[in-house]
Amino acid sequence: MKRTEVLAILGILALTSPALGQPADDEQVMVHNFGVDAKNTFGFAARGISLQNGPLRPLSLKGKTEAMLQERGLHPRIMTRQRNYSGLNLAAGRRIESVDLRFTVDGIPLCQYQVKSHETVDGKMAVFGKMPKLEVNASYSLDNWPADALVRNIVADTLAQNGVNASFTKNSAQACLWSENGQLHPVWVWEVEADRLNYTVVADDLRSFKFQPKHFHATGKSKIYPHNVLDVELQEFTLRDMKETGYLENAYFITDVESPFSYVTKADLDFTAFGPTAEGFEEISLFTNANRALEWLETMGYKNFGTTPIHIAVHAEFQGDTNNALYQPGANYDVIYVGDGDGTVLQNLATDADVVGHELGHHVVYHTVTEIAGESLVLHEGLADYFNFARTGNACLGESICPDTAYGNKICYVPKQCLRTGDNALKYGGADLPREAHQKSQFISGMLWDLFAKDAIPLEDITHLVLRAIDLLVEDSGYQHFVVGMMLADQALFQGGKCSLIYNRALERGLGALLTDITCETVKLPAAVSVIDVPGVERDTPVSKPATSTSSKSSKKSICGVLMGASSANGQLFSFLILFILPLIPAMIRRSTRK
């Protein structure tokens, strides 16, 4: 049984026009060659039509439309049902007659089809919509419809798969027949509410056929420091794709705030009135800067964000320590935790755009590199730092977060200025190369920064190369894989024009021993091969997601490496990749439910 939908209704046809050829089933225009009999052109009630090879007879607009649909192949088992009608009324200024038709089989509506016909007072007709063209052999009865309890499970799964809370309220349900590949499926159309937003889910007891948000994203506004507290003035930013809940949440990020702090809410989504001293400024800053970083990545061609919003935990504490930030991938959703800093070890973590930008960088790298130890960990840190350098054009990471204290001066690679920097001369295997992964990673970020600062390659081009190289990596890739990935990406994006610069920078950074059998010639691709066409790495087995973080070393913390622990209350694995200084086990952060 073959089904063809006729997308229709663009044709405006005068009733006196000559006959037109029958369009193909998949044409975009649906018209009919009605002809007006001269004897019946007076008075609207006496209007009539002459069908091809048929007798003259008066027809209602509904009748004309049904005749046209039947001529175009509407199956005799498929009936039309009039939903709305608007007649002519010259006194009221209504000079167009309209009829709205839906379709049924055995009295049960078809889910997807609607046709509207319109006829003007001077006899011009237009039809909009699409009609079903399929064979109907089976019989259908509501007594055999999918059971409510089974459908509820499918709806919950569908919501969860689309990043929506699986706890929902059913507002309405309608039985209908869903057409797919020439088959009709008995389904329910459920209108549901989850997290105060409405959704439509079409499902039977085995799977869902359609998921659709029933709300429009709005635009919000915020006013924050464009970089950090060292800026003289605040700057206004547009917040895209906001959910109309009044909270800081959109299609990409959602903030989480725990007691004693309160959520920022603005019904009009205008958050510009919250100044630096107002409660909620940190939450607004983190949300805005996360979106800014993502928007920049998208301009660079980044496409692997996913469909589930990342949660941003504001005012986070890690066993009582506020001097940290981390990215934690999760089974249901990923979380970026950001503490406030205590002013002694670190400070201004929530208002410095580099902090949340760095954590988002881990999300980018984690798409392929899921190992968080050894070279993979160092690569994670270096690439997450580089994305900040490229976005800002500044090789200093976290300019505002280093306090002038004994602890701060020890933690920050450039005391009182930069937590880390791309402007360095560190080499792999060098005597002065730090052992700690975050600081060690500066030889990676420095190598990339040199391509810009010393070789004059535009940061945009370098970033395109880095993103492409990440797509080529595997779960435990290290330095060699990354350099070769950059060289391969260059072959695809720039025909090898930057390969020698990439290779020489890798040699200068001490990676020569890893590249003994690799040259620009050995990685040169045949003309018919393009890395651009290579999709992201696919895995045969799922990989559990550890967390990556931006951390500091407090006087009480001396744990190093990757920490593995029990699952958290929200079901996410408590294994962590620390992203700033030292790994710290984050305390459970209780999320208050938004009322």
Protein backbone atom coordinates (compact mmCIF):
# COMPACT_ATOMS: atom_id res chain seq x y z
CA MET A 1 0.00 0.00 0.00
CA LYS A 2 1.64 3.17 -1.14
CA ARG A 3 0.73 6.48 0.39
CA THR A 4 1.40 9.76 -1.31
CA GLU A 5 0.53 13.06 0.32
CA VAL A 6 -0.46 15.88 -2.00
CA LEU A 7 0.83 19.11 -0.55
CA ALA A 8 -1.57 21.45 -1.77
CA ILE A 9 -3.29 24.30 -2.02
CA LEU A 10 -1.68 27.03 -3.71
CA GLY A 11 -3.80 27.19 -6.82
CA ILE A 12 -6.22 30.04 -7.36
CA LEU A 13 -8.38 29.08 -10.32
CA ALA A 14 -11.11 31.06 -12.04
CA LEU A 15 -14.15 28.85 -12.64
CA THR A 16 -14.24 29.90 -16.27
CA SER A 17 -10.64 28.97 -16.98
CA PRO A 18 -9.88 26.20 -19.47
CA ALA A 19 -9.30 22.64 -18.33
CA LEU A 20 -5.94 21.96 -16.78
CA GLY A 21 -4.00 18.72 -16.90
CA GLN A 22 -4.20 16.44 -13.87
CA PRO A 23 -1.11 17.07 -11.71
CA ALA A 24 1.04 14.23 -10.46
CA ASP A 25 0.43 12.90 -6.94
CA ASP A 26 3.44 14.73 -5.58
CA GLU A 27 2.87 18.10 -7.24
CA GLN A 28 2.75 21.12 -4.99
CA VAL A 29 -0.45 22.60 -6.46
CA MET A 30 -3.97 21.18 -6.26
CA VAL A 31 -6.54 22.71 -8.59
CA HIS A 32 -9.75 21.60 -10.31
CA ASN A 33 -11.17 22.57 -13.67
CA PHE A 34 -14.69 23.60 -12.71
CA GLY A 35 -16.64 25.39 -15.44
CA VAL A 36 -19.56 27.77 -14.91
CA ASP A 37 -22.73 27.30 -16.91
CA ALA A 38 -23.86 30.61 -18.39
CA LYS A 39 -27.51 29.92 -17.50
CA ASN A 40 -26.69 29.79 -13.81
CA THR A 41 -24.31 32.67 -13.32
CA PHE A 42 -26.89 34.91 -11.68
CA GLY A 43 -27.34 34.76 -7.92
CA PHE A 44 -25.08 32.86 -5.58
CA ALA A 45 -27.69 30.31 -4.56
CA ALA A 46 -28.06 29.15 -8.17
CA ARG A 47 -24.37 28.69 -8.88
CA GLY A 48 -23.61 25.41 -10.58
CA ILE A 49 -20.67 23.54 -12.05
CA SER A 50 -20.13 21.20 -14.91
CA LEU A 51 -17.77 18.33 -14.16
CA GLN A 52 -15.73 16.92 -16.99
CA ASN A 53 -17.99 14.58 -18.98
CA GLY A 54 -20.72 15.02 -16.37
CA PRO A 55 -24.10 16.68 -16.12
CA LEU A 56 -24.64 20.22 -14.87
CA ARG A 57 -25.67 20.20 -11.22
CA PRO A 58 -25.43 22.70 -8.36
CA LEU A 59 -22.89 21.77 -5.70
CA SER A 60 -22.01 23.23 -2.35
CA LEU A 61 -18.40 24.21 -1.79
CA LYS A 62 -18.04 21.04 0.28
CA GLY A 63 -19.44 19.00 -2.58
CA LYS A 64 -17.12 20.59 -5.10
CA THR A 65 -14.14 19.88 -2.88
CA GLU A 66 -15.16 16.25 -2.32
CA ALA A 67 -15.60 15.76 -6.05
CA MET A 68 -12.13 17.13 -6.66
CA LEU A 69 -10.62 14.88 -3.98
CA GLN A 70 -12.34 11.80 -5.39
CA GLU A 71 -11.14 12.61 -8.87
CA ARG A 72 -7.62 12.86 -7.45
CA GLY A 73 -7.76 9.39 -5.97
CA LEU A 74 -9.29 9.64 -2.50
CA HIS A 75 -10.00 6.08 -1.39
CA PRO A 76 -13.75 5.34 -1.03
CA ARG A 77 -13.22 4.15 2.57
CA ILE A 78 -11.89 7.58 3.49
CA MET A 79 -14.68 9.99 4.29
CA THR A 80 -14.58 13.76 4.72
CA ARG A 81 -15.89 15.44 7.83
CA GLN A 82 -16.75 19.14 7.85
CA ARG A 83 -15.13 20.88 10.78
CA ASN A 84 -15.90 24.53 10.11
CA TYR A 85 -17.85 26.49 7.54
CA SER A 86 -18.09 30.20 6.76
CA GLY A 87 -20.64 31.29 4.16
CA LEU A 88 -20.93 34.37 1.99
CA ASN A 89 -22.49 37.44 3.60
CA LEU A 90 -22.18 40.59 1.55
CA ALA A 91 -23.90 42.70 4.17
CA ALA A 92 -21.28 41.66 6.72
CA GLY A 93 -18.44 42.05 4.23
CA ARG A 94 -17.75 38.31 3.93
CA ARG A 95 -16.96 37.86 0.24
CA ILE A 96 -15.25 34.48 0.56
CA GLU A 97 -17.00 31.18 1.29
CA SER A 98 -14.81 28.67 3.18
CA VAL A 99 -15.10 25.07 4.29
CA ASP A 100 -12.65 23.15 6.51
CA LEU A 101 -12.56 19.40 5.95
CA ARG A 102 -10.87 16.57 7.85
CA PHE A 103 -10.77 12.86 6.98
CA THR A 104 -12.00 9.71 8.74
CA VAL A 105 -11.92 5.94 8.33
CA ASP A 106 -14.70 3.97 10.04
CA GLY A 107 -15.64 7.17 11.82
CA ILE A 108 -12.17 7.57 13.33
CA PRO A 109 -10.21 10.69 12.30
CA LEU A 110 -6.93 10.54 10.40
CA CYS A 111 -4.32 12.42 12.42
CA GLN A 112 -2.41 14.34 9.79
CA TYR A 113 -4.73 15.58 7.07
CA GLN A 114 -6.74 18.75 6.53
CA VAL A 115 -8.10 20.51 3.47
CA LYS A 116 -9.58 23.99 3.33
CA SER A 117 -11.45 25.25 0.27
CA HIS A 118 -12.25 28.89 -0.43
CA GLU A 119 -14.42 30.40 -3.14
CA THR A 120 -14.74 34.11 -3.78
CA VAL A 121 -17.92 35.93 -4.73
CA ASP A 122 -16.67 36.27 -8.32
CA GLY A 123 -16.01 32.55 -8.68
CA LYS A 124 -12.31 32.08 -7.96
CA MET A 125 -11.41 29.01 -5.94
CA ALA A 126 -8.38 28.05 -3.88
CA VAL A 127 -7.61 24.91 -1.88
CA PHE A 128 -5.05 24.59 0.91
CA GLY A 129 -3.84 21.53 2.78
CA LYS A 130 -2.97 17.92 2.01
CA MET A 131 -5.09 14.89 1.25
CA PRO A 132 -4.44 11.23 2.06
CA LYS A 133 -3.71 8.92 -0.90
CA LEU A 134 -3.48 5.39 0.45
CA GLU A 135 -5.26 2.08 0.31
CA VAL A 136 -7.48 1.17 3.24
CA ASN A 137 -8.10 -2.56 3.66
CA ALA A 138 -8.42 -3.07 7.42
CA SER A 139 -11.31 -2.15 9.71
CA TYR A 140 -10.81 -0.06 12.85
CA SER A 141 -12.65 0.17 16.17
CA LEU A 142 -11.95 2.22 19.28
CA ASP A 143 -12.48 -0.96 21.27
CA ASN A 144 -9.06 -2.10 20.06
CA TRP A 145 -7.11 1.08 20.78
CA PRO A 146 -3.78 1.03 22.73
CA ALA A 147 -4.13 0.81 26.50
CA ASP A 148 -3.68 4.04 28.44
CA ALA A 149 -1.09 2.67 30.88
CA LEU A 150 1.19 1.44 28.10
CA VAL A 151 0.89 4.68 26.18
CA ARG A 152 1.78 6.62 29.33
CA ASN A 153 5.10 4.78 29.54
CA ILE A 154 5.89 5.59 25.91
CA VAL A 155 5.02 9.26 26.44
CA ALA A 156 7.28 9.46 29.51
CA ASP A 157 10.16 7.87 27.59
CA THR A 158 9.64 10.27 24.69
CA LEU A 159 9.76 13.30 26.97
CA ALA A 160 12.94 12.07 28.65
CA GLN A 161 14.62 11.39 25.30
CA ASN A 162 13.94 14.98 24.32
CA GLY A 163 15.37 16.44 27.52
CA VAL A 164 12.02 17.05 29.21
CA ASN A 165 11.01 15.98 32.71
CA ALA A 166 9.33 12.57 32.39
CA SER A 167 6.87 13.52 35.15
CA PHE A 168 3.93 15.06 33.32
CA THR A 169 0.21 15.81 33.48
CA LYS A 170 -2.08 14.66 30.68
CA ASN A 171 -4.34 17.53 29.66
CA SER A 172 -6.22 15.80 26.83
CA ALA A 173 -6.19 12.70 24.65
CA GLN A 174 -7.61 12.01 21.21
CA ALA A 175 -7.73 8.74 19.29
CA CYS A 176 -6.83 8.89 15.61
CA LEU A 177 -5.15 6.92 12.82
CA TRP A 178 -1.55 7.84 12.03
CA SER A 179 -0.37 7.30 8.46
CA GLU A 180 3.20 6.06 7.98
CA ASN A 181 4.64 4.30 4.94
CA GLY A 182 1.21 3.45 3.60
CA GLN A 183 0.02 1.95 6.90
CA LEU A 184 -2.53 3.29 9.35
CA HIS A 185 -1.63 2.95 13.04
CA PRO A 186 -4.14 3.33 15.88
CA VAL A 187 -2.59 5.99 18.13
CA TRP A 188 -3.35 8.48 20.85
CA VAL A 189 -2.56 12.18 20.58
CA TRP A 190 -1.74 13.30 24.10
CA GLU A 191 -1.45 16.95 25.07
CA VAL A 192 0.72 16.99 28.19
CA GLU A 193 2.30 19.49 30.56
CA ALA A 194 5.79 19.03 32.00
CA ASP A 195 7.78 21.68 33.90
CA ARG A 196 4.95 24.16 33.19
CA LEU A 197 5.33 23.79 29.42
CA ASN A 198 3.00 22.01 26.99
CA TYR A 199 3.89 19.25 24.53
CA THR A 200 2.11 17.02 22.03
CA VAL A 201 3.07 13.34 21.84
CA VAL A 202 1.57 10.93 19.31
CA ALA A 203 2.12 7.33 20.40
CA ASP A 204 0.77 3.81 20.53
CA ASP A 205 1.74 1.17 23.08
CA LEU A 206 5.06 0.43 21.34
CA ARG A 207 6.59 3.74 20.25
CA SER A 208 6.02 7.42 19.63
CA PHE A 209 5.38 8.81 16.17
CA LYS A 210 5.62 12.53 16.90
CA PHE A 211 6.94 14.83 19.61
CA GLN A 212 6.25 18.55 19.40
CA PRO A 213 6.65 21.40 21.89
CA LYS A 214 3.48 23.48 22.04
CA HIS A 215 5.16 26.69 23.08
CA PHE A 216 7.27 29.31 21.35
CA HIS A 217 10.72 30.28 22.47
CA ALA A 218 11.06 33.89 23.44
CA THR A 219 13.99 36.29 23.60
CA GLY A 220 15.34 37.60 26.90
CA LYS A 221 17.86 40.26 27.92
CA SER A 222 20.60 40.49 30.51
CA LYS A 223 23.27 43.01 31.48
CA ILE A 224 26.56 41.65 32.84
CA TYR A 225 30.31 42.18 32.69
CA PRO A 226 31.34 41.35 29.11
CA HIS A 227 34.49 39.59 30.35
CA ASN A 228 34.83 39.90 34.12
CA VAL A 229 34.73 42.35 37.04
CA LEU A 230 37.74 44.22 35.63
CA ASP A 231 35.45 45.69 32.96
CA VAL A 232 34.44 49.27 33.60
CA GLU A 233 30.84 48.94 32.44
CA LEU A 234 28.19 46.29 32.10
CA GLN A 235 27.01 45.24 28.66
CA GLU A 236 23.57 44.14 27.52
CA PHE A 237 23.17 40.73 25.85
CA THR A 238 20.32 38.97 24.10
CA LEU A 239 19.24 35.59 25.48
CA ARG A 240 17.98 33.38 22.67
CA ASP A 241 15.39 30.61 22.61
CA MET A 242 14.17 31.29 26.15
CA LYS A 243 11.38 29.24 27.64
CA GLU A 244 8.51 31.45 28.71
CA THR A 245 8.65 30.39 32.34
CA GLY A 246 10.31 33.51 33.73
CA TYR A 247 13.37 31.50 34.79
CA LEU A 248 16.84 31.37 33.28
CA GLU A 249 16.30 28.41 31.01
CA ASN A 250 16.35 27.89 27.28
CA ALA A 251 16.97 25.11 24.79
CA TYR A 252 20.64 24.86 25.82
CA PHE A 253 21.07 25.66 29.51
CA ILE A 254 19.03 25.73 32.72
CA THR A 255 20.20 27.09 36.05
CA ASP A 256 19.99 25.17 39.33
CA VAL A 257 20.07 27.10 42.62
CA GLU A 258 19.99 25.61 46.11
CA SER A 259 18.98 27.13 49.43
CA PRO A 260 19.69 29.64 50.91
CA PHE A 261 19.84 31.27 47.49
CA SER A 262 16.75 31.95 45.40
CA TYR A 263 16.10 31.63 41.69
CA VAL A 264 16.03 34.78 39.58
CA THR A 265 12.65 35.17 37.88
CA LYS A 266 11.32 37.78 35.46
CA ALA A 267 8.05 37.13 33.67
CA ASP A 268 9.10 39.38 30.78
CA LEU A 269 12.56 37.75 30.63
CA ASP A 270 14.24 41.14 31.04
CA PHE A 271 17.06 40.55 33.53
CA THR A 272 18.86 43.84 32.89
CA ALA A 273 17.85 45.44 36.20
CA PHE A 274 20.01 43.11 38.31
CA GLY A 275 23.25 44.90 39.12
CA PRO A 276 26.53 43.40 40.38
CA THR A 277 25.46 43.71 44.03
CA ALA A 278 22.01 42.16 43.52
CA GLU A 279 21.29 38.58 44.49
CA GLY A 280 21.00 36.63 41.27
CA PHE A 281 23.71 38.51 39.35
CA GLU A 282 25.96 35.43 39.49
CA GLU A 283 23.18 33.21 38.16
CA ILE A 284 22.46 35.66 35.33
CA SER A 285 26.16 35.96 34.50
CA LEU A 286 26.73 32.21 34.30
CA PHE A 287 23.66 31.63 32.16
CA THR A 288 24.49 34.49 29.81
CA ASN A 289 28.16 33.57 29.43
CA ALA A 290 27.41 29.90 28.81
CA ASN A 291 25.09 30.90 25.98
CA ARG A 292 27.63 33.36 24.60
CA ALA A 293 30.32 30.68 24.54
CA LEU A 294 28.01 28.22 22.80
CA GLU A 295 26.92 30.78 20.22
CA TRP A 296 30.56 31.50 19.40
CA LEU A 297 31.30 27.78 19.02
CA GLU A 298 28.36 27.47 16.66
CA THR A 299 29.76 30.26 14.49
CA MET A 300 32.91 28.14 14.28
CA GLY A 301 30.91 25.19 12.95
CA TYR A 302 30.31 23.29 16.21
CA LYS A 303 27.28 20.99 15.83
CA ASN A 304 27.59 18.34 18.54
CA PHE A 305 25.95 20.06 21.49
CA GLY A 306 23.08 17.56 21.69
CA THR A 307 19.39 18.00 22.42
CA THR A 308 19.39 18.02 26.23
CA PRO A 309 20.03 21.31 28.07
CA ILE A 310 23.08 21.45 30.33
CA HIS A 311 22.27 22.33 33.93
CA ILE A 312 24.36 25.07 35.54
CA ALA A 313 24.60 24.66 39.33
CA VAL A 314 25.16 28.12 40.81
CA HIS A 315 26.88 28.79 44.18
CA ALA A 316 28.15 25.20 44.16
CA GLU A 317 30.12 23.83 47.09
CA PHE A 318 32.51 20.91 47.01
CA GLN A 319 32.68 19.43 50.52
CA GLY A 320 32.32 22.95 51.86
CA ASP A 321 34.86 24.41 49.41
CA THR A 322 33.64 27.10 46.97
CA ASN A 323 36.95 27.39 45.06
CA ASN A 324 36.13 25.19 42.10
CA ALA A 325 34.13 24.63 38.94
CA LEU A 326 33.60 21.38 37.10
CA TYR A 327 31.79 19.77 34.21
CA GLN A 328 30.02 16.49 34.95
CA PRO A 329 28.52 14.46 32.11
CA GLY A 330 25.50 12.46 33.20
CA ALA A 331 23.18 9.73 32.03
CA ASN A 332 20.16 12.08 31.97
CA TYR A 333 21.77 15.48 31.61
CA ASP A 334 25.16 17.12 32.02
CA VAL A 335 25.94 19.62 34.78
CA ILE A 336 28.36 22.51 35.08
CA TYR A 337 29.05 23.27 38.75
CA VAL A 338 30.49 26.69 39.60
CA GLY A 339 31.42 27.85 43.07
CA ASP A 340 31.76 31.48 44.10
CA GLY A 341 35.35 31.42 45.35
CA ASP A 342 36.24 32.50 48.89
CA GLY A 343 38.48 35.42 47.91
CA THR A 344 41.53 33.73 49.41
CA VAL A 345 42.12 30.86 47.01
CA LEU A 346 40.04 31.98 44.04
CA GLN A 347 37.43 34.67 43.43
CA ASN A 348 34.78 35.90 40.96
CA LEU A 349 34.26 32.44 39.46
CA ALA A 350 30.63 33.07 38.54
CA THR A 351 31.19 36.43 36.86
CA ASP A 352 34.35 35.63 34.87
CA ALA A 353 33.24 34.42 31.43
CA ASP A 354 36.32 32.20 31.09
CA VAL A 355 35.19 29.86 33.87
CA VAL A 356 31.90 28.63 32.43
CA GLY A 357 33.41 28.87 28.94
CA HIS A 358 36.16 26.47 29.99
CA GLU A 359 33.62 24.00 31.38
CA LEU A 360 31.63 24.13 28.15
CA GLY A 361 34.87 23.35 26.31
CA HIS A 362 34.96 20.01 28.11
CA HIS A 363 31.49 19.25 26.75
CA VAL A 364 32.86 19.83 23.25
CA VAL A 365 35.85 17.53 23.73
CA TYR A 366 33.87 14.86 25.58
CA HIS A 367 31.88 14.17 22.43
CA THR A 368 34.75 11.89 21.40
CA VAL A 369 37.41 11.84 24.17
CA THR A 370 35.74 10.22 27.19
CA GLU A 371 38.86 9.03 28.99
CA ILE A 372 39.90 11.38 31.82
CA ALA A 373 43.34 10.18 32.74
CA GLY A 374 46.85 10.52 31.39
CA GLU A 375 47.27 12.25 28.03
CA SER A 376 43.52 12.35 27.46
CA LEU A 377 43.05 14.41 30.62
CA VAL A 378 45.81 16.85 29.66
CA LEU A 379 44.36 17.12 26.15
CA HIS A 380 40.93 17.90 27.62
CA GLU A 381 42.36 20.73 29.70
CA GLY A 382 44.46 22.23 26.95
CA LEU A 383 41.66 22.28 24.40
CA ALA A 384 39.12 23.68 26.87
CA ASP A 385 41.57 26.50 27.64
CA TYR A 386 42.26 27.12 23.95
CA PHE A 387 38.58 27.68 23.15
CA ASN A 388 38.58 30.56 25.63
CA PHE A 389 41.76 32.02 24.12
CA ALA A 390 40.27 31.83 20.63
CA ARG A 391 36.91 33.27 21.62
CA THR A 392 38.39 36.27 23.44
CA GLY A 393 41.61 36.74 21.47
CA ASN A 394 43.40 36.75 24.83
CA ALA A 395 45.85 34.07 25.99
CA CYS A 396 45.20 34.80 29.68
CA LEU A 397 42.63 32.51 31.30
CA GLY A 398 40.61 33.82 34.24
CA GLU A 399 42.02 37.33 34.57
CA SER A 400 39.75 38.24 37.47
CA ILE A 401 39.81 35.06 39.52
CA CYS A 402 43.35 35.21 40.97
CA PRO A 403 43.45 37.05 44.31
CA ASP A 404 46.63 38.68 45.59
CA THR A 405 47.09 36.18 48.40
CA ALA A 406 49.60 33.51 49.26
CA TYR A 407 47.25 30.79 48.03
CA GLY A 408 46.17 32.71 44.96
CA ASN A 409 49.74 33.47 43.92
CA LYS A 410 50.64 29.80 44.28
CA ILE A 411 47.68 28.54 42.28
CA CYS A 412 47.72 31.02 39.41
CA TYR A 413 50.42 30.37 36.81
CA VAL A 414 50.81 34.13 36.34
CA PRO A 415 50.20 35.47 39.88
CA LYS A 416 47.45 38.07 40.19
CA GLN A 417 46.81 37.85 36.43
CA CYS A 418 46.12 34.46 34.83
CA LEU A 419 45.10 31.10 36.19
CA ARG A 420 46.74 29.68 33.07
CA THR A 421 48.12 31.17 29.87
CA GLY A 422 48.71 30.22 26.26
CA ASP A 423 51.65 32.60 26.14
CA ASN A 424 54.22 30.13 27.46
CA ALA A 425 57.28 28.16 26.34
CA LEU A 426 56.47 24.86 28.06
CA LYS A 427 57.53 21.68 26.28
CA TYR A 428 56.49 18.08 26.61
CA GLY A 429 59.26 16.37 28.53
CA GLY A 430 60.77 19.69 29.60
CA ALA A 431 62.26 20.04 33.07
CA ASP A 432 59.92 22.92 33.88
CA LEU A 433 56.74 21.20 32.67
CA PRO A 434 54.29 21.04 35.61
CA ARG A 435 53.10 17.62 36.64
CA GLU A 436 49.54 18.62 37.50
CA ALA A 437 47.29 18.06 34.46
CA HIS A 438 45.70 21.51 34.28
CA GLN A 439 48.99 23.37 34.37
CA LYS A 440 50.70 20.73 32.25
CA SER A 441 48.06 21.23 29.55
CA GLN A 442 49.46 24.69 28.85
CA PHE A 443 51.97 23.15 26.44
CA ILE A 444 48.96 22.04 24.32
CA SER A 445 47.09 25.35 24.52
CA GLY A 446 50.39 27.17 24.01
CA MET A 447 51.10 25.19 20.85
CA LEU A 448 47.73 26.23 19.43
CA TRP A 449 48.16 29.84 20.53
CA ASP A 450 51.56 29.98 18.78
CA LEU A 451 49.87 29.12 15.49
CA PHE A 452 48.07 32.42 15.88
CA ALA A 453 50.59 34.60 17.68
CA LYS A 454 53.72 33.46 15.82
CA ASP A 455 52.49 31.92 12.57
CA ALA A 456 49.67 34.42 11.93
CA ILE A 457 47.02 31.76 11.27
CA PRO A 458 43.64 33.35 12.02
CA LEU A 459 42.05 32.06 15.22
CA GLU A 460 38.95 31.18 13.24
CA ASP A 461 40.96 28.83 11.01
CA ILE A 462 42.73 27.24 13.98
CA THR A 463 39.41 26.67 15.71
CA HIS A 464 37.95 25.02 12.61
CA LEU A 465 40.96 22.70 12.60
CA VAL A 466 40.63 21.92 16.30
CA LEU A 467 36.91 21.12 16.06
CA ARG A 468 37.50 18.89 13.05
CA ALA A 469 40.40 17.14 14.77
CA ILE A 470 38.24 16.47 17.85
CA ASP A 471 35.68 14.74 15.63
CA LEU A 472 38.42 12.36 14.44
CA LEU A 473 39.59 11.32 17.91
CA VAL A 474 38.69 8.20 19.89
CA GLU A 475 37.75 7.83 23.52
CA ASP A 476 41.33 7.64 24.86
CA SER A 477 43.17 9.78 22.32
CA GLY A 478 46.32 11.60 23.40
CA TYR A 479 48.88 13.99 22.00
CA GLN A 480 49.85 12.02 18.90
CA HIS A 481 46.25 11.47 17.83
CA PHE A 482 45.48 15.15 18.24
CA VAL A 483 48.44 16.39 16.20
CA VAL A 484 47.71 13.89 13.42
CA GLY A 485 44.03 14.87 13.61
CA MET A 486 45.01 18.51 13.11
CA MET A 487 47.15 17.57 10.11
CA LEU A 488 44.35 15.49 8.59
CA ALA A 489 41.84 18.25 9.20
CA ASP A 490 44.17 20.68 7.45
CA GLN A 491 44.30 18.40 4.40
CA ALA A 492 40.52 18.51 4.21
CA LEU A 493 39.90 22.14 5.12
CA PHE A 494 42.96 23.92 3.70
CA GLN A 495 44.44 21.37 1.27
CA GLY A 496 47.45 20.90 3.52
CA GLY A 497 48.39 24.57 3.42
CA LYS A 498 48.97 24.82 7.17
CA CYS A 499 50.35 21.33 7.79
CA SER A 500 54.02 22.31 8.03
CA LEU A 501 53.20 25.02 10.57
CA ILE A 502 51.21 22.56 12.68
CA TYR A 503 53.94 19.96 12.45
CA ASN A 504 56.73 22.38 13.32
CA ARG A 505 54.83 23.75 16.32
CA ALA A 506 54.35 20.21 17.58
CA LEU A 507 58.08 19.58 17.23
CA GLU A 508 58.90 22.81 19.03
CA ARG A 509 56.65 21.74 21.92
CA GLY A 510 58.63 18.53 22.40
CA LEU A 511 56.36 16.09 20.57
CA GLY A 512 58.92 14.97 18.00
CA ALA A 513 59.42 11.54 19.58
CA LEU A 514 55.70 10.84 19.05
CA LEU A 515 55.83 11.87 15.39
CA THR A 516 58.89 9.99 14.12
CA ASP A 517 56.99 8.21 11.33
CA ILE A 518 54.61 11.08 10.62
CA THR A 519 55.06 13.92 8.15
CA CYS A 520 52.74 16.11 6.13
CA GLU A 521 53.32 13.75 3.18
CA THR A 522 52.38 10.62 5.11
CA VAL A 523 49.05 12.10 6.20
CA LYS A 524 48.26 13.61 2.82
CA LEU A 525 44.91 12.35 1.61
CA PRO A 526 44.10 11.11 -1.89
CA ALA A 527 42.15 13.62 -3.93
CA ALA A 528 38.97 11.57 -3.59
CA VAL A 529 39.12 11.42 0.19
CA SER A 530 37.88 14.19 2.44
CA VAL A 531 37.99 14.32 6.22
CA ILE A 532 35.11 16.76 6.06
CA ASP A 533 32.87 13.85 5.15
CA VAL A 534 34.01 11.72 8.08
CA PRO A 535 31.30 11.67 10.77
CA GLY A 536 31.94 11.75 14.49
CA VAL A 537 33.28 8.65 16.18
CA GLU A 538 30.66 5.98 16.76
CA ARG A 539 31.01 3.61 19.69
CA ASP A 540 29.86 0.02 19.79
CA THR A 541 29.26 0.15 23.53
CA PRO A 542 28.06 2.98 25.76
CA VAL A 543 30.68 4.76 27.83
CA SER A 544 29.92 5.96 31.33
CA LYS A 545 30.46 9.70 31.67
CA PRO A 546 32.81 11.01 34.32
CA ALA A 547 32.93 14.65 35.29
CA THR A 548 35.41 17.28 34.28
CA SER A 549 36.08 20.35 36.34
CA THR A 550 37.68 23.67 36.82
CA SER A 551 39.21 23.40 40.23
CA SER A 552 41.52 25.01 42.69
CA LYS A 553 43.71 23.78 45.49
CA SER A 554 42.64 24.85 48.92
CA SER A 555 44.79 24.52 52.00
CA LYS A 556 42.79 21.45 53.02
CA LYS A 557 42.78 19.63 49.67
CA SER A 558 45.61 17.49 48.38
CA ILE A 559 43.85 14.80 46.35
CA CYS A 560 45.12 14.27 42.79
CA GLY A 561 43.92 12.23 39.85
CA VAL A 562 40.52 10.86 38.89
CA LEU A 563 38.15 10.01 41.68
CA MET A 564 35.54 7.32 41.26
CA GLY A 565 32.59 7.18 43.63
CA ALA A 566 29.03 6.10 44.12
CA SER A 567 26.14 7.33 42.05
CA SER A 568 24.59 10.60 43.10
CA ALA A 569 21.00 11.11 44.12
CA ASN A 570 20.00 12.25 40.65
CA GLY A 571 21.38 9.12 39.03
CA GLN A 572 24.51 10.63 37.53
CA LEU A 573 27.83 8.90 38.00
CA PHE A 574 30.08 10.54 40.55
CA SER A 575 33.31 10.15 38.66
CA PHE A 576 35.06 13.39 38.01
CA LEU A 577 37.52 15.07 35.76
CA ILE A 578 38.77 18.15 37.57
CA LEU A 579 39.30 21.04 35.25
CA PHE A 580 41.09 23.88 36.96
CA ILE A 581 43.63 22.83 39.57
CA LEU A 582 43.04 19.71 41.65
CA PRO A 583 40.29 17.08 41.74
CA LEU A 584 37.76 17.54 44.51
CA ILE A 585 34.73 15.38 45.12
CA PRO A 586 31.71 17.70 44.73
CA ALA A 587 29.19 17.49 47.49
CA MET A 588 25.65 16.57 46.62
CA ILE A 589 23.94 19.73 45.48
CA ARG A 590 20.31 19.73 46.40
CA ARG A 591 18.20 21.32 43.72
CA SER A 592 15.15 23.07 45.02
CA THR A 593 12.07 22.48 42.90
CA ARG A 594 10.88 25.53 41.05
CA LYS A 595 7.37 26.32 42.09
